[in-house]
């Protein structure tokens, strides 16, 4: 199911988002709803990446960065 998405467009960007999602799932074991929200956001950004201009990709990258920052803050408060 994921292979066509990896092969379409920029596969490295897609793989980075998937690895990032797995990392967030691992970090947020206690908050499965938050982890699911992060995965859905990343898949949505992949869909947008296939259709939008580079300016919008920059905005998508900023959204990912903000989400990672919040994930790290959550990790620090949990531990």
PDB file of N, CA and C in Angstrom:
ATOM      1  N   UNK A   1       0.822  -1.193   0.000  1.00  0.00           N
ATOM      2  CA  UNK A   1       0.000   0.000   0.000  1.00  0.00           C
ATOM      3  C   UNK A   1       0.870   1.262   0.000  1.00  0.00           C
ATOM      4  N   UNK A   2       1.956   1.262   0.744  1.00  0.00           N
ATOM      5  CA  UNK A   2       2.809   2.450   0.824  1.00  0.00           C
ATOM      6  C   UNK A   2       3.802   2.537  -0.323  1.00  0.00           C
ATOM      7  N   UNK A   3       4.099   1.408  -0.965  1.00  0.00           N
ATOM      8  CA  UNK A   3       5.115   1.412  -2.015  1.00  0.00           C
ATOM      9  C   UNK A   3       4.810   2.369  -3.164  1.00  0.00           C
ATOM     10  N   UNK A   4       3.573   2.433  -3.681  1.00  0.00           N
ATOM     11  CA  UNK A   4       3.311   3.403  -4.753  1.00  0.00           C
ATOM     12  C   UNK A   4       3.559   4.844  -4.324  1.00  0.00           C
ATOM     13  N   UNK A   5       3.269   5.164  -3.069  1.00  0.00           N
ATOM     14  CA  UNK A   5       3.519   6.524  -2.587  1.00  0.00           C
ATOM     15  C   UNK A   5       5.008   6.802  -2.474  1.00  0.00           C
ATOM     16  N   UNK A   6       5.771   5.781  -2.085  1.00  0.00           N
ATOM     17  CA  UNK A   6       7.217   5.965  -1.977  1.00  0.00           C
ATOM     18  C   UNK A   6       7.820   6.187  -3.361  1.00  0.00           C
ATOM     19  N   UNK A   7       7.337   5.429  -4.337  1.00  0.00           N
ATOM     20  CA  UNK A   7       7.884   5.534  -5.685  1.00  0.00           C
ATOM     21  C   UNK A   7       7.438   6.802  -6.400  1.00  0.00           C
ATOM     22  N   UNK A   8       6.292   7.356  -6.025  1.00  0.00           N
ATOM     23  CA  UNK A   8       5.787   8.567  -6.679  1.00  0.00           C
ATOM     24  C   UNK A   8       6.429   9.798  -6.053  1.00  0.00           C
ATOM     25  N   UNK A   9       6.848  10.709  -6.880  1.00  0.00           N
ATOM     26  CA  UNK A   9       7.383  11.976  -6.375  1.00  0.00           C
ATOM     27  C   UNK A   9       8.711  11.795  -5.661  1.00  0.00           C
ATOM     28  N   UNK A  10       8.871  12.532  -4.579  1.00  0.00           N
ATOM     29  CA  UNK A  10      10.121  12.539  -3.830  1.00  0.00           C
ATOM     30  C   UNK A  10      10.056  11.473  -2.743  1.00  0.00           C
ATOM     31  N   UNK A  11      10.591  10.302  -3.025  1.00  0.00           N
ATOM     32  CA  UNK A  11      10.521   9.191  -2.088  1.00  0.00           C
ATOM     33  C   UNK A  11      11.278   9.431  -0.797  1.00  0.00           C
ATOM     34  N   UNK A  12      12.378  10.192  -0.863  1.00  0.00           N
ATOM     35  CA  UNK A  12      13.159  10.465   0.345  1.00  0.00           C
ATOM     36  C   UNK A  12      12.343  11.271   1.345  1.00  0.00           C
ATOM     37  N   UNK A  13      11.585  12.252   0.859  1.00  0.00           N
ATOM     38  CA  UNK A  13      10.745  13.064   1.738  1.00  0.00           C
ATOM     39  C   UNK A  13       9.704  12.185   2.414  1.00  0.00           C
ATOM     40  N   UNK A  14       9.101  11.284   1.634  1.00  0.00           N
ATOM     41  CA  UNK A  14       8.086  10.383   2.170  1.00  0.00           C
ATOM     42  C   UNK A  14       8.680   9.469   3.236  1.00  0.00           C
ATOM     43  N   UNK A  15       9.840   8.877   2.947  1.00  0.00           N
ATOM     44  CA  UNK A  15      10.471   7.987   3.919  1.00  0.00           C
ATOM     45  C   UNK A  15      10.859   8.726   5.193  1.00  0.00           C
ATOM     46  N   UNK A  16      11.306   9.967   5.052  1.00  0.00           N
ATOM     47  CA  UNK A  16      11.642  10.771   6.223  1.00  0.00           C
ATOM     48  C   UNK A  16      10.420  10.982   7.101  1.00  0.00           C
ATOM     49  N   UNK A  17       9.288  11.268   6.483  1.00  0.00           N
ATOM     50  CA  UNK A  17       8.060  11.470   7.249  1.00  0.00           C
ATOM     51  C   UNK A  17       7.629  10.175   7.928  1.00  0.00           C
ATOM     52  N   UNK A  18       7.735   9.049   7.238  1.00  0.00           N
ATOM     53  CA  UNK A  18       7.359   7.767   7.841  1.00  0.00           C
ATOM     54  C   UNK A  18       8.264   7.442   9.028  1.00  0.00           C
ATOM     55  N   UNK A  19       9.572   7.617   8.873  1.00  0.00           N
ATOM     56  CA  UNK A  19      10.491   7.364   9.986  1.00  0.00           C
ATOM     57  C   UNK A  19      10.208   8.301  11.149  1.00  0.00           C
ATOM     58  N   UNK A  20       9.898   9.548  10.831  1.00  0.00           N
ATOM     59  CA  UNK A  20       9.548  10.516  11.854  1.00  0.00           C
ATOM     60  C   UNK A  20       8.286  10.082  12.594  1.00  0.00           C
ATOM     61  N   UNK A  21       7.313   9.570  11.865  1.00  0.00           N
ATOM     62  CA  UNK A  21       6.065   9.120  12.480  1.00  0.00           C
ATOM     63  C   UNK A  21       6.299   7.934  13.401  1.00  0.00           C
ATOM     64  N   UNK A  22       7.132   6.995  12.965  1.00  0.00           N
ATOM     65  CA  UNK A  22       7.445   5.838  13.809  1.00  0.00           C
ATOM     66  C   UNK A  22       8.141   6.297  15.086  1.00  0.00           C
ATOM     67  N   UNK A  23       9.067   7.246  14.960  1.00  0.00           N
ATOM     68  CA  UNK A  23       9.749   7.788  16.130  1.00  0.00           C
ATOM     69  C   UNK A  23       8.751   8.432  17.089  1.00  0.00           C
ATOM     70  N   UNK A  24       7.810   9.205  16.533  1.00  0.00           N
ATOM     71  CA  UNK A  24       6.808   9.851  17.388  1.00  0.00           C
ATOM     72  C   UNK A  24       5.912   8.818  18.058  1.00  0.00           C
ATOM     73  N   UNK A  25       5.558   7.754  17.343  1.00  0.00           N
ATOM     74  CA  UNK A  25       4.760   6.691  17.959  1.00  0.00           C
ATOM     75  C   UNK A  25       5.521   6.056  19.117  1.00  0.00           C
ATOM     76  N   UNK A  26       6.809   5.867  18.942  1.00  0.00           N
ATOM     77  CA  UNK A  26       7.627   5.276  19.997  1.00  0.00           C
ATOM     78  C   UNK A  26       7.706   6.206  21.203  1.00  0.00           C
ATOM     79  N   UNK A  27       7.885   7.508  20.952  1.00  0.00           N
ATOM     80  CA  UNK A  27       7.979   8.479  22.038  1.00  0.00           C
ATOM     81  C   UNK A  27       6.661   8.596  22.794  1.00  0.00           C
ATOM     82  N   UNK A  28       5.586   8.638  22.052  1.00  0.00           N
ATOM     83  CA  UNK A  28       4.288   8.959  22.644  1.00  0.00           C
ATOM     84  C   UNK A  28       3.464   7.710  22.935  1.00  0.00           C
ATOM     85  N   UNK A  29       4.099   6.669  23.443  1.00  0.00           N
ATOM     86  CA  UNK A  29       3.377   5.433  23.727  1.00  0.00           C
ATOM     87  C   UNK A  29       2.204   5.676  24.672  1.00  0.00           C
ATOM     88  N   UNK A  30       2.373   6.586  25.586  1.00  0.00           N
ATOM     89  CA  UNK A  30       1.332   6.836  26.577  1.00  0.00           C
ATOM     90  C   UNK A  30       0.166   7.627  26.006  1.00  0.00           C
ATOM     91  N   UNK A  31       0.411   8.352  24.926  1.00  0.00           N
ATOM     92  CA  UNK A  31      -0.644   9.162  24.328  1.00  0.00           C
ATOM     93  C   UNK A  31      -0.874   8.707  22.889  1.00  0.00           C
ATOM     94  N   UNK A  32      -1.635   7.656  22.725  1.00  0.00           N
ATOM     95  CA  UNK A  32      -1.852   7.095  21.398  1.00  0.00           C
ATOM     96  C   UNK A  32      -2.642   8.040  20.497  1.00  0.00           C
ATOM     97  N   UNK A  33      -3.540   8.820  21.052  1.00  0.00           N
ATOM     98  CA  UNK A  33      -4.312   9.764  20.244  1.00  0.00           C
ATOM     99  C   UNK A  33      -3.403  10.832  19.648  1.00  0.00           C
ATOM    100  N   UNK A  34      -2.466  11.332  20.447  1.00  0.00           N
ATOM    101  CA  UNK A  34      -1.518  12.332  19.948  1.00  0.00           C
ATOM    102  C   UNK A  34      -0.630  11.730  18.858  1.00  0.00           C
ATOM    103  N   UNK A  35      -0.176  10.504  19.067  1.00  0.00           N
ATOM    104  CA  UNK A  35       0.657   9.848  18.062  1.00  0.00           C
ATOM    105  C   UNK A  35      -0.118   9.636  16.768  1.00  0.00           C
ATOM    106  N   UNK A  36      -1.362   9.231  16.879  1.00  0.00           N
ATOM    107  CA  UNK A  36      -2.190   9.044  15.692  1.00  0.00           C
ATOM    108  C   UNK A  36      -2.386  10.360  14.953  1.00  0.00           C
ATOM    109  N   UNK A  37      -2.570  11.442  15.690  1.00  0.00           N
ATOM    110  CA  UNK A  37      -2.725  12.758  15.067  1.00  0.00           C
ATOM    111  C   UNK A  37      -1.470  13.137  14.280  1.00  0.00           C
ATOM    112  N   UNK A  38      -0.300  12.857  14.847  1.00  0.00           N
ATOM    113  CA  UNK A  38       0.953  13.164  14.156  1.00  0.00           C
ATOM    114  C   UNK A  38       1.108  12.344  12.876  1.00  0.00           C
ATOM    115  N   UNK A  39       0.746  11.070  12.934  1.00  0.00           N
ATOM    116  CA  UNK A  39       0.854  10.225  11.742  1.00  0.00           C
ATOM    117  C   UNK A  39      -0.097  10.715  10.655  1.00  0.00           C
ATOM    118  N   UNK A  40      -1.332  11.045  11.038  1.00  0.00           N
ATOM    119  CA  UNK A  40      -2.301  11.548  10.061  1.00  0.00           C
ATOM    120  C   UNK A  40      -1.808  12.839   9.436  1.00  0.00           C
ATOM    121  N   UNK A  41      -1.230  13.726  10.236  1.00  0.00           N
ATOM    122  CA  UNK A  41      -0.700  14.983   9.703  1.00  0.00           C
ATOM    123  C   UNK A  41       0.403  14.716   8.689  1.00  0.00           C
ATOM    124  N   UNK A  42       1.284  13.794   8.978  1.00  0.00           N
ATOM    125  CA  UNK A  42       2.389  13.522   8.064  1.00  0.00           C
ATOM    126  C   UNK A  42       1.902  12.894   6.760  1.00  0.00           C
ATOM    127  N   UNK A  43       0.935  11.994   6.838  1.00  0.00           N
ATOM    128  CA  UNK A  43       0.384  11.410   5.611  1.00  0.00           C
ATOM    129  C   UNK A  43      -0.312  12.482   4.786  1.00  0.00           C
ATOM    130  N   UNK A  44      -1.020  13.392   5.457  1.00  0.00           N
ATOM    131  CA  UNK A  44      -1.687  14.496   4.762  1.00  0.00           C
ATOM    132  C   UNK A  44      -0.661  15.383   4.068  1.00  0.00           C
ATOM    133  N   UNK A  45       0.461  15.628   4.721  1.00  0.00           N
ATOM    134  CA  UNK A  45       1.515  16.436   4.108  1.00  0.00           C
ATOM    135  C   UNK A  45       2.128  15.735   2.900  1.00  0.00           C
ATOM    136  N   UNK A  46       2.189  14.419   2.937  1.00  0.00           N
ATOM    137  CA  UNK A  46       2.695  13.676   1.777  1.00  0.00           C
ATOM    138  C   UNK A  46       1.776  13.887   0.580  1.00  0.00           C
ATOM    139  N   UNK A  47       0.480  13.817   0.830  1.00  0.00           N
ATOM    140  CA  UNK A  47      -0.479  14.039  -0.257  1.00  0.00           C
ATOM    141  C   UNK A  47      -0.320  15.445  -0.814  1.00  0.00           C
ATOM    142  N   UNK A  48      -0.173  16.421   0.061  1.00  0.00           N
ATOM    143  CA  UNK A  48       0.015  17.798  -0.399  1.00  0.00           C
ATOM    144  C   UNK A  48       1.318  17.956  -1.165  1.00  0.00           C
ATOM    145  N   UNK A  49       2.352  17.243  -0.743  1.00  0.00           N
ATOM    146  CA  UNK A  49       3.661  17.349  -1.377  1.00  0.00           C
ATOM    147  C   UNK A  49       3.596  16.962  -2.845  1.00  0.00           C
ATOM    148  N   UNK A  50       2.701  16.077  -3.173  1.00  0.00           N
ATOM    149  CA  UNK A  50       2.590  15.634  -4.560  1.00  0.00           C
ATOM    150  C   UNK A  50       1.903  16.674  -5.445  1.00  0.00           C
ATOM    151  N   UNK A  51       1.200  17.648  -4.854  1.00  0.00           N
ATOM    152  CA  UNK A  51       0.377  18.554  -5.648  1.00  0.00           C
ATOM    153  C   UNK A  51       0.724  20.030  -5.513  1.00  0.00           C
ATOM    154  N   UNK A  52       1.542  20.408  -4.550  1.00  0.00           N
ATOM    155  CA  UNK A  52       1.735  21.822  -4.269  1.00  0.00           C
ATOM    156  C   UNK A  52       3.092  22.339  -4.711  1.00  0.00           C
ATOM    157  N   UNK A  53       3.205  23.640  -4.709  1.00  0.00           N
ATOM    158  CA  UNK A  53       4.426  24.330  -5.126  1.00  0.00           C
ATOM    159  C   UNK A  53       5.473  24.293  -4.008  1.00  0.00           C
ATOM    160  N   UNK A  54       6.726  24.604  -4.330  1.00  0.00           N
ATOM    161  CA  UNK A  54       7.793  24.585  -3.316  1.00  0.00           C
ATOM    162  C   UNK A  54       7.519  25.491  -2.118  1.00  0.00           C
ATOM    163  N   UNK A  55       6.841  26.620  -2.319  1.00  0.00           N
ATOM    164  CA  UNK A  55       6.509  27.505  -1.197  1.00  0.00           C
ATOM    165  C   UNK A  55       5.639  26.778  -0.182  1.00  0.00           C
ATOM    166  N   UNK A  56       4.674  26.025  -0.680  1.00  0.00           N
ATOM    167  CA  UNK A  56       3.797  25.286   0.222  1.00  0.00           C
ATOM    168  C   UNK A  56       4.553  24.145   0.904  1.00  0.00           C
ATOM    169  N   UNK A  57       5.537  23.570   0.208  1.00  0.00           N
ATOM    170  CA  UNK A  57       6.355  22.537   0.842  1.00  0.00           C
ATOM    171  C   UNK A  57       7.152  23.111   2.003  1.00  0.00           C
ATOM    172  N   UNK A  58       7.594  24.360   1.851  1.00  0.00           N
ATOM    173  CA  UNK A  58       8.311  25.015   2.950  1.00  0.00           C
ATOM    174  C   UNK A  58       7.392  25.181   4.152  1.00  0.00           C
ATOM    175  N   UNK A  59       6.147  25.534   3.908  1.00  0.00           N
ATOM    176  CA  UNK A  59       5.174  25.659   5.003  1.00  0.00           C
ATOM    177  C   UNK A  59       4.945  24.293   5.649  1.00  0.00           C
ATOM    178  N   UNK A  60       4.846  23.243   4.827  1.00  0.00           N
ATOM    179  CA  UNK A  60       4.663  21.890   5.364  1.00  0.00           C
ATOM    180  C   UNK A  60       5.854  21.481   6.227  1.00  0.00           C
ATOM    181  N   UNK A  61       7.060  21.819   5.781  1.00  0.00           N
ATOM    182  CA  UNK A  61       8.255  21.508   6.569  1.00  0.00           C
ATOM    183  C   UNK A  61       8.240  22.250   7.896  1.00  0.00           C
ATOM    184  N   UNK A  62       7.763  23.482   7.890  1.00  0.00           N
ATOM    185  CA  UNK A  62       7.649  24.248   9.130  1.00  0.00           C
ATOM    186  C   UNK A  62       6.660  23.591  10.084  1.00  0.00           C
ATOM    187  N   UNK A  63       5.547  23.095   9.546  1.00  0.00           N
ATOM    188  CA  UNK A  63       4.560  22.402  10.382  1.00  0.00           C
ATOM    189  C   UNK A  63       5.184  21.161  11.016  1.00  0.00           C
ATOM    190  N   UNK A  64       5.955  20.403  10.236  1.00  0.00           N
ATOM    191  CA  UNK A  64       6.618  19.212  10.779  1.00  0.00           C
ATOM    192  C   UNK A  64       7.593  19.605  11.883  1.00  0.00           C
ATOM    193  N   UNK A  65       8.351  20.683  11.660  1.00  0.00           N
ATOM    194  CA  UNK A  65       9.310  21.133  12.668  1.00  0.00           C
ATOM    195  C   UNK A  65       8.603  21.517  13.963  1.00  0.00           C
ATOM    196  N   UNK A  66       7.496  22.239  13.854  1.00  0.00           N
ATOM    197  CA  UNK A  66       6.744  22.650  15.052  1.00  0.00           C
ATOM    198  C   UNK A  66       6.208  21.426  15.776  1.00  0.00           C
ATOM    199  N   UNK A  67       5.714  20.440  15.021  1.00  0.00           N
ATOM    200  CA  UNK A  67       5.215  19.222  15.649  1.00  0.00           C
ATOM    201  C   UNK A  67       6.326  18.451  16.342  1.00  0.00           C
ATOM    202  N   UNK A  68       7.505  18.393  15.728  1.00  0.00           N
ATOM    203  CA  UNK A  68       8.624  17.708  16.368  1.00  0.00           C
ATOM    204  C   UNK A  68       9.035  18.430  17.643  1.00  0.00           C
ATOM    205  N   UNK A  69       9.010  19.755  17.614  1.00  0.00           N
ATOM    206  CA  UNK A  69       9.354  20.514  18.817  1.00  0.00           C
ATOM    207  C   UNK A  69       8.383  20.205  19.939  1.00  0.00           C
ATOM    208  N   UNK A  70       7.083  20.137  19.610  1.00  0.00           N
ATOM    209  CA  UNK A  70       6.102  19.832  20.650  1.00  0.00           C
ATOM    210  C   UNK A  70       6.267  18.399  21.142  1.00  0.00           C
ATOM    211  N   UNK A  71       6.656  17.477  20.255  1.00  0.00           N
ATOM    212  CA  UNK A  71       6.885  16.093  20.671  1.00  0.00           C
ATOM    213  C   UNK A  71       8.062  16.002  21.629  1.00  0.00           C
ATOM    214  N   UNK A  72       9.120  16.736  21.335  1.00  0.00           N
ATOM    215  CA  UNK A  72      10.294  16.731  22.212  1.00  0.00           C
ATOM    216  C   UNK A  72       9.951  17.346  23.559  1.00  0.00           C
ATOM    217  N   UNK A  73       9.166  18.425  23.561  1.00  0.00           N
ATOM    218  CA  UNK A  73       8.755  19.033  24.827  1.00  0.00           C
ATOM    219  C   UNK A  73       7.920  18.057  25.639  1.00  0.00           C
ATOM    220  N   UNK A  74       7.022  17.329  24.969  1.00  0.00           N
ATOM    221  CA  UNK A  74       6.209  16.339  25.661  1.00  0.00           C
ATOM    222  C   UNK A  74       7.088  15.237  26.236  1.00  0.00           C
ATOM    223  N   UNK A  75       8.091  14.811  25.474  1.00  0.00           N
ATOM    224  CA  UNK A  75       9.012  13.786  25.954  1.00  0.00           C
ATOM    225  C   UNK A  75       9.737  14.260  27.203  1.00  0.00           C
ATOM    226  N   UNK A  76      10.173  15.512  27.210  1.00  0.00           N
ATOM    227  CA  UNK A  76      10.904  16.031  28.365  1.00  0.00           C
ATOM    228  C   UNK A  76      10.008  16.148  29.593  1.00  0.00           C
ATOM    229  N   UNK A  77       8.725  16.441  29.395  1.00  0.00           N
ATOM    230  CA  UNK A  77       7.837  16.541  30.551  1.00  0.00           C
ATOM    231  C   UNK A  77       7.463  15.163  31.081  1.00  0.00           C
ATOM    232  N   UNK A  78       7.437  14.153  30.199  1.00  0.00           N
ATOM    233  CA  UNK A  78       7.082  12.798  30.630  1.00  0.00           C
ATOM    234  C   UNK A  78       8.223  12.155  31.399  1.00  0.00           C
ATOM    235  N   UNK A  79       9.468  12.409  30.958  1.00  0.00           N
ATOM    236  CA  UNK A  79      10.603  11.738  31.601  1.00  0.00           C
ATOM    237  C   UNK A  79      11.132  12.502  32.771  1.00  0.00           C
TER     238      UNK A  79
END
